[in-house]
N, C-alpha and C. Protein backbone atom coordinates (compact mmCIF):
# COMPACT_ATOMS: atom_id res chain seq x y z
N UNK A 1 0.82 -1.19 0.00
CA UNK A 1 0.00 0.00 0.00
C UNK A 1 0.86 1.25 0.00
N UNK A 2 1.91 1.27 0.80
CA UNK A 2 2.80 2.43 0.85
C UNK A 2 3.45 2.66 -0.50
N UNK A 3 3.82 1.58 -1.18
CA UNK A 3 4.45 1.71 -2.49
C UNK A 3 3.51 2.39 -3.47
N UNK A 4 2.22 2.01 -3.47
CA UNK A 4 1.27 2.62 -4.41
C UNK A 4 1.05 4.09 -4.08
N UNK A 5 0.99 4.44 -2.80
CA UNK A 5 0.89 5.86 -2.42
C UNK A 5 2.11 6.62 -2.89
N UNK A 6 3.28 6.04 -2.70
CA UNK A 6 4.52 6.72 -3.08
C UNK A 6 4.56 6.99 -4.57
N UNK A 7 4.07 6.06 -5.35
CA UNK A 7 4.10 6.23 -6.80
C UNK A 7 3.03 7.19 -7.29
N UNK A 8 1.92 7.32 -6.54
CA UNK A 8 0.82 8.14 -7.01
C UNK A 8 0.83 9.57 -6.48
N UNK A 9 1.69 9.88 -5.53
CA UNK A 9 1.72 11.23 -4.97
C UNK A 9 2.41 12.20 -5.94
N UNK A 10 1.83 13.39 -6.09
CA UNK A 10 2.54 14.43 -6.86
C UNK A 10 3.87 14.75 -6.17
N UNK A 11 4.84 15.20 -6.92
CA UNK A 11 6.17 15.44 -6.35
C UNK A 11 6.13 16.46 -5.22
N UNK A 12 5.28 17.47 -5.31
CA UNK A 12 5.19 18.47 -4.23
C UNK A 12 4.66 17.82 -2.95
N UNK A 13 3.71 16.90 -3.07
CA UNK A 13 3.20 16.19 -1.89
C UNK A 13 4.29 15.31 -1.30
N UNK A 14 5.03 14.63 -2.15
CA UNK A 14 6.12 13.78 -1.67
C UNK A 14 7.16 14.60 -0.92
N UNK A 15 7.52 15.75 -1.48
CA UNK A 15 8.51 16.62 -0.83
C UNK A 15 7.99 17.14 0.50
N UNK A 16 6.73 17.53 0.53
CA UNK A 16 6.12 18.02 1.77
C UNK A 16 6.10 16.92 2.82
N UNK A 17 5.71 15.73 2.43
CA UNK A 17 5.67 14.59 3.35
C UNK A 17 7.06 14.26 3.85
N UNK A 18 8.03 14.25 2.95
CA UNK A 18 9.42 13.98 3.33
C UNK A 18 9.93 15.04 4.31
N UNK A 19 9.62 16.30 4.04
CA UNK A 19 10.05 17.39 4.92
C UNK A 19 9.45 17.24 6.31
N UNK A 20 8.16 16.94 6.37
CA UNK A 20 7.51 16.78 7.67
C UNK A 20 7.99 15.53 8.39
N UNK A 21 8.42 14.51 7.66
CA UNK A 21 8.95 13.30 8.29
C UNK A 21 10.29 13.56 8.96
N UNK A 22 11.00 14.58 8.49
CA UNK A 22 12.32 14.90 9.04
C UNK A 22 12.26 15.87 10.22
N UNK A 23 11.08 16.37 10.55
CA UNK A 23 10.95 17.36 11.61
C UNK A 23 9.95 16.89 12.66
N UNK A 24 9.89 17.65 13.73
CA UNK A 24 8.86 17.44 14.73
C UNK A 24 7.54 17.91 14.12
N UNK A 25 6.42 17.72 14.81
CA UNK A 25 5.18 18.28 14.29
C UNK A 25 5.38 19.74 13.91
N UNK A 26 4.80 20.12 12.79
CA UNK A 26 5.13 21.42 12.21
C UNK A 26 3.92 22.10 11.59
N UNK A 27 3.97 23.43 11.57
CA UNK A 27 2.97 24.23 10.86
C UNK A 27 3.21 24.11 9.36
N UNK A 28 2.16 24.16 8.55
CA UNK A 28 2.35 24.17 7.10
C UNK A 28 3.23 25.33 6.63
N UNK A 29 3.19 26.46 7.34
CA UNK A 29 4.02 27.60 6.94
C UNK A 29 5.50 27.26 6.99
N UNK A 30 5.91 26.54 8.00
CA UNK A 30 7.32 26.15 8.13
C UNK A 30 7.68 25.13 7.06
N UNK A 31 6.79 24.17 6.85
CA UNK A 31 7.04 23.17 5.80
C UNK A 31 7.10 23.83 4.43
N UNK A 32 6.24 24.82 4.19
CA UNK A 32 6.23 25.52 2.89
C UNK A 32 7.55 26.22 2.63
N UNK A 33 8.18 26.71 3.69
CA UNK A 33 9.45 27.41 3.51
C UNK A 33 10.57 26.46 3.08
N UNK A 34 10.36 25.16 3.28
CA UNK A 34 11.37 24.16 2.92
C UNK A 34 11.01 23.40 1.64
N UNK A 35 9.87 23.70 1.08
CA UNK A 35 9.39 23.00 -0.11
C UNK A 35 9.09 24.02 -1.21
N UNK A 36 9.03 23.56 -2.43
CA UNK A 36 8.73 24.48 -3.54
C UNK A 36 7.23 24.73 -3.70
N UNK A 37 6.55 25.09 -2.60
CA UNK A 37 5.11 25.38 -2.67
C UNK A 37 4.81 26.65 -1.91
N UNK A 38 3.71 27.29 -2.28
CA UNK A 38 3.27 28.49 -1.57
C UNK A 38 2.64 28.08 -0.24
N UNK A 39 2.45 29.05 0.62
CA UNK A 39 1.83 28.78 1.92
C UNK A 39 0.44 28.19 1.74
N UNK A 40 -0.37 28.80 0.90
CA UNK A 40 -1.73 28.31 0.68
C UNK A 40 -1.72 26.89 0.11
N UNK A 41 -0.82 26.63 -0.81
CA UNK A 41 -0.71 25.29 -1.39
C UNK A 41 -0.28 24.28 -0.32
N UNK A 42 0.64 24.67 0.55
CA UNK A 42 1.08 23.77 1.62
C UNK A 42 -0.07 23.44 2.55
N UNK A 43 -0.87 24.44 2.88
CA UNK A 43 -2.04 24.19 3.75
C UNK A 43 -2.99 23.19 3.10
N UNK A 44 -3.30 23.43 1.82
CA UNK A 44 -4.22 22.54 1.10
C UNK A 44 -3.65 21.13 0.98
N UNK A 45 -2.38 21.04 0.67
CA UNK A 45 -1.75 19.72 0.52
C UNK A 45 -1.71 18.98 1.85
N UNK A 46 -1.43 19.69 2.95
CA UNK A 46 -1.42 19.05 4.27
C UNK A 46 -2.81 18.52 4.60
N UNK A 47 -3.84 19.28 4.29
CA UNK A 47 -5.21 18.80 4.54
C UNK A 47 -5.50 17.54 3.73
N UNK A 48 -5.09 17.52 2.46
CA UNK A 48 -5.32 16.33 1.62
C UNK A 48 -4.51 15.13 2.12
N UNK A 49 -3.27 15.38 2.52
CA UNK A 49 -2.44 14.29 3.05
C UNK A 49 -3.02 13.76 4.36
N UNK A 50 -3.60 14.64 5.17
CA UNK A 50 -4.24 14.21 6.41
C UNK A 50 -5.49 13.38 6.10
N UNK A 51 -6.27 13.81 5.13
CA UNK A 51 -7.45 13.06 4.72
C UNK A 51 -7.07 11.67 4.23
N UNK A 52 -5.92 11.57 3.56
CA UNK A 52 -5.43 10.29 3.06
C UNK A 52 -4.80 9.44 4.16
N UNK A 53 -4.67 9.99 5.38
CA UNK A 53 -4.10 9.24 6.49
C UNK A 53 -2.59 9.27 6.56
N UNK A 54 -1.95 10.14 5.77
CA UNK A 54 -0.49 10.20 5.75
C UNK A 54 0.06 11.25 6.71
N UNK A 55 -0.77 12.21 7.07
CA UNK A 55 -0.45 13.20 8.11
C UNK A 55 -1.58 13.19 9.11
N UNK A 56 -1.29 13.68 10.31
CA UNK A 56 -2.36 13.88 11.28
C UNK A 56 -2.18 15.24 11.92
N UNK A 57 -3.30 15.88 12.16
CA UNK A 57 -3.30 17.18 12.82
C UNK A 57 -3.16 16.91 14.31
N UNK A 58 -2.23 17.59 14.98
CA UNK A 58 -1.96 17.28 16.39
C UNK A 58 -2.42 18.37 17.35
N UNK A 59 -2.87 19.51 16.82
CA UNK A 59 -3.42 20.57 17.66
C UNK A 59 -4.61 21.18 16.95
N UNK A 60 -5.35 22.03 17.66
CA UNK A 60 -6.47 22.74 17.04
C UNK A 60 -5.97 23.65 15.93
N UNK A 61 -4.77 24.19 16.12
CA UNK A 61 -4.14 24.96 15.05
C UNK A 61 -3.64 23.95 14.02
N UNK A 62 -3.37 24.39 12.81
CA UNK A 62 -2.92 23.41 11.82
C UNK A 62 -1.45 23.03 12.00
N UNK A 63 -1.20 22.16 12.97
CA UNK A 63 0.14 21.60 13.16
C UNK A 63 0.01 20.12 12.83
N UNK A 64 0.88 19.65 11.93
CA UNK A 64 0.79 18.28 11.44
C UNK A 64 2.04 17.49 11.76
N UNK A 65 1.85 16.17 11.87
CA UNK A 65 2.98 15.25 11.94
C UNK A 65 2.67 14.08 11.01
N UNK A 66 3.70 13.40 10.63
CA UNK A 66 3.57 12.27 9.71
C UNK A 66 3.10 11.05 10.49
N UNK A 67 2.14 10.34 9.94
CA UNK A 67 1.65 9.10 10.55
C UNK A 67 2.58 7.95 10.18
N UNK A 68 2.32 6.79 10.77
CA UNK A 68 3.11 5.61 10.41
C UNK A 68 2.93 5.28 8.93
N UNK A 69 1.70 5.40 8.42
CA UNK A 69 1.49 5.18 6.98
C UNK A 69 2.29 6.18 6.16
N UNK A 70 2.33 7.42 6.61
CA UNK A 70 3.12 8.44 5.92
C UNK A 70 4.60 8.10 5.91
N UNK A 71 5.10 7.61 7.03
CA UNK A 71 6.51 7.21 7.09
C UNK A 71 6.81 6.05 6.14
N UNK A 72 5.86 5.13 6.03
CA UNK A 72 6.05 4.02 5.08
C UNK A 72 6.09 4.53 3.64
N UNK A 73 5.27 5.54 3.33
CA UNK A 73 5.28 6.12 1.99
C UNK A 73 6.62 6.78 1.71
N UNK A 74 7.13 7.53 2.69
CA UNK A 74 8.44 8.17 2.52
C UNK A 74 9.52 7.11 2.31
N UNK A 75 9.49 6.06 3.12
CA UNK A 75 10.49 4.99 2.98
C UNK A 75 10.38 4.30 1.63
N UNK A 76 9.16 4.06 1.16
CA UNK A 76 8.97 3.42 -0.14
C UNK A 76 9.49 4.31 -1.26
N UNK A 77 9.26 5.61 -1.15
CA UNK A 77 9.75 6.55 -2.16
C UNK A 77 11.27 6.57 -2.17
N UNK A 78 11.88 6.57 -0.99
CA UNK A 78 13.34 6.55 -0.92
C UNK A 78 13.89 5.26 -1.49
N UNK A 79 13.23 4.15 -1.21
CA UNK A 79 13.66 2.85 -1.75
C UNK A 79 13.59 2.86 -3.27
N UNK A 80 12.56 3.45 -3.83
CA UNK A 80 12.42 3.55 -5.28
C UNK A 80 13.55 4.36 -5.88
N UNK A 81 13.90 5.47 -5.23
CA UNK A 81 14.99 6.32 -5.71
C UNK A 81 16.30 5.56 -5.65
N UNK A 82 16.56 4.88 -4.53
CA UNK A 82 17.82 4.14 -4.38
C UNK A 82 17.93 3.02 -5.41
N UNK A 83 16.83 2.31 -5.65
CA UNK A 83 16.90 1.21 -6.62
C UNK A 83 17.06 1.74 -8.04
N UNK A 84 16.51 2.92 -8.31
CA UNK A 84 16.65 3.51 -9.65
C UNK A 84 18.06 4.03 -9.90
N UNK A 85 18.72 4.51 -8.84
CA UNK A 85 20.06 5.07 -9.00
C UNK A 85 21.15 4.04 -8.72
N UNK A 86 20.76 2.91 -8.12
CA UNK A 86 21.75 1.88 -7.81
C UNK A 86 22.53 2.16 -6.55
N UNK A 87 22.08 3.14 -5.76
CA UNK A 87 22.77 3.46 -4.49
C UNK A 87 22.34 2.52 -3.40
């Protein structure tokens, strides 16, 4: 399942998910500053990723963290990159 999510995510979603996997729970504004997306786009993408079960909102404010399913998607994406590059 993680492999299919990894293959079907737009690159901006993958980058956002990867960025949030590397940090503590974070506001979309902070994640947007590390990804090639606008603040509004980061907010919308975080909401969609949360709906898909890959992120979860951890406070009443929009602070998100990566779920276990989200971490599996990040790992599957990294595995795909490594196998494609031979690293």
